[in-house]
C-alpha atoms as a PDB file:
ATOM      1  CA  MET A   1      -0.471 -21.644 -31.426  1.00  0.00           C
ATOM      2  CA  ASN A   2      -0.787 -25.334 -31.055  1.00  0.00           C
ATOM      3  CA  ALA A   3      -3.077 -27.317 -28.757  1.00  0.00           C
ATOM      4  CA  LEU A   4      -0.497 -27.572 -25.957  1.00  0.00           C
ATOM      5  CA  GLU A   5      -0.074 -23.801 -25.740  1.00  0.00           C
ATOM      6  CA  ILE A   6      -3.828 -23.287 -25.653  1.00  0.00           C
ATOM      7  CA  LEU A   7      -4.138 -25.912 -22.907  1.00  0.00           C
ATOM      8  CA  LEU A   8      -1.436 -24.159 -20.865  1.00  0.00           C
ATOM      9  CA  VAL A   9      -3.171 -20.797 -21.276  1.00  0.00           C
ATOM     10  CA  ILE A  10      -6.487 -22.235 -20.114  1.00  0.00           C
ATOM     11  CA  ALA A  11      -4.857 -24.037 -17.163  1.00  0.00           C
ATOM     12  CA  GLY A  12      -2.929 -20.929 -16.127  1.00  0.00           C
ATOM     13  CA  PHE A  13      -5.992 -18.724 -16.292  1.00  0.00           C
ATOM     14  CA  SER A  14      -8.055 -21.254 -14.333  1.00  0.00           C
ATOM     15  CA  ILE A  15      -5.462 -21.579 -11.568  1.00  0.00           C
ATOM     16  CA  THR A  16      -5.092 -17.806 -11.327  1.00  0.00           C
ATOM     17  CA  ALA A  17      -8.863 -17.359 -11.070  1.00  0.00           C
ATOM     18  CA  LEU A  18      -9.095 -20.048  -8.373  1.00  0.00           C
ATOM     19  CA  VAL A  19      -6.292 -18.455  -6.334  1.00  0.00           C
ATOM     20  CA  ILE A  20      -7.927 -15.012  -6.500  1.00  0.00           C
ATOM     21  CA  ALA A  21     -11.312 -16.481  -5.563  1.00  0.00           C
ATOM     22  CA  GLY A  22      -9.720 -18.300  -2.616  1.00  0.00           C
ATOM     23  CA  MET A  23      -8.037 -15.126  -1.404  1.00  0.00           C
ATOM     24  CA  VAL A  24     -11.337 -13.248  -1.556  1.00  0.00           C
ATOM     25  CA  LEU A  25     -13.212 -16.003   0.269  1.00  0.00           C
ATOM     26  CA  LEU A  26     -10.577 -16.336   3.013  1.00  0.00           C
ATOM     27  CA  THR A  27     -10.487 -12.617   3.737  1.00  0.00           C
ATOM     28  CA  PRO A  28     -12.340 -11.981   7.010  1.00  0.00           C
ATOM     29  CA  SER A  29     -15.282  -9.645   6.733  1.00  0.00           C
ATOM     30  CA  GLY A  30     -16.971  -7.646   9.421  1.00  0.00           C
ATOM     31  CA  THR A  31     -13.967  -7.514  11.724  1.00  0.00           C
ATOM     32  CA  LYS A  32     -13.364  -4.516  13.917  1.00  0.00           C
ATOM     33  CA  ASP A  33     -10.112  -2.836  14.806  1.00  0.00           C
ATOM     34  CA  VAL A  34      -8.401  -4.229  17.893  1.00  0.00           C
ATOM     35  CA  HIS A  35      -7.628  -0.786  19.294  1.00  0.00           C
ATOM     36  CA  ALA A  36     -10.711   1.028  18.006  1.00  0.00           C
ATOM     37  CA  GLU A  37     -11.373   2.782  21.322  1.00  0.00           C
ATOM     38  CA  LYS A  38      -7.830   4.168  21.577  1.00  0.00           C
ATOM     39  CA  THR A  39      -7.170   7.508  19.935  1.00  0.00           C
ATOM     40  CA  ASP A  40      -3.363   7.581  20.228  1.00  0.00           C
ATOM     41  CA  PRO A  41      -1.663   4.171  19.844  1.00  0.00           C
ATOM     42  CA  VAL A  42       1.746   5.653  20.732  1.00  0.00           C
ATOM     43  CA  ALA A  43       0.555   6.750  24.183  1.00  0.00           C
ATOM     44  CA  ASP A  44      -0.718   3.291  25.207  1.00  0.00           C
ATOM     45  CA  ASN A  45       0.621   1.991  28.498  1.00  0.00           C
ATOM     46  CA  LEU A  46       0.853  -1.747  27.949  1.00  0.00           C
ATOM     47  CA  SER A  47       2.517  -2.552  31.268  1.00  0.00           C
ATOM     48  CA  GLN A  48       0.343  -4.189  33.922  1.00  0.00           C
ATOM     49  CA  ALA A  49       2.913  -3.537  36.683  1.00  0.00           C
ATOM     50  CA  GLN A  50       2.115  -0.971  39.339  1.00  0.00           C
ATOM     51  CA  PRO A  51       4.639   1.840  39.922  1.00  0.00           C
ATOM     52  CA  ALA A  52       6.853   1.453  42.977  1.00  0.00           C
ATOM     53  CA  VAL A  53       5.876   3.584  45.965  1.00  0.00           C
ATOM     54  CA  PRO A  54       8.907   5.491  47.377  1.00  0.00           C
END
């Protein structure tokens, strides 16, 4: 291996380590689930409209 190959290996490893560190640091921590109080997400009624009275 010559000096250029060693330089490319070091640069590639450094960039990979920086990308992984950035992904870890950008990951939100301590977040809670949006629908934590719901037990059955399929049964959610998302409509705000009131049913028509016959």
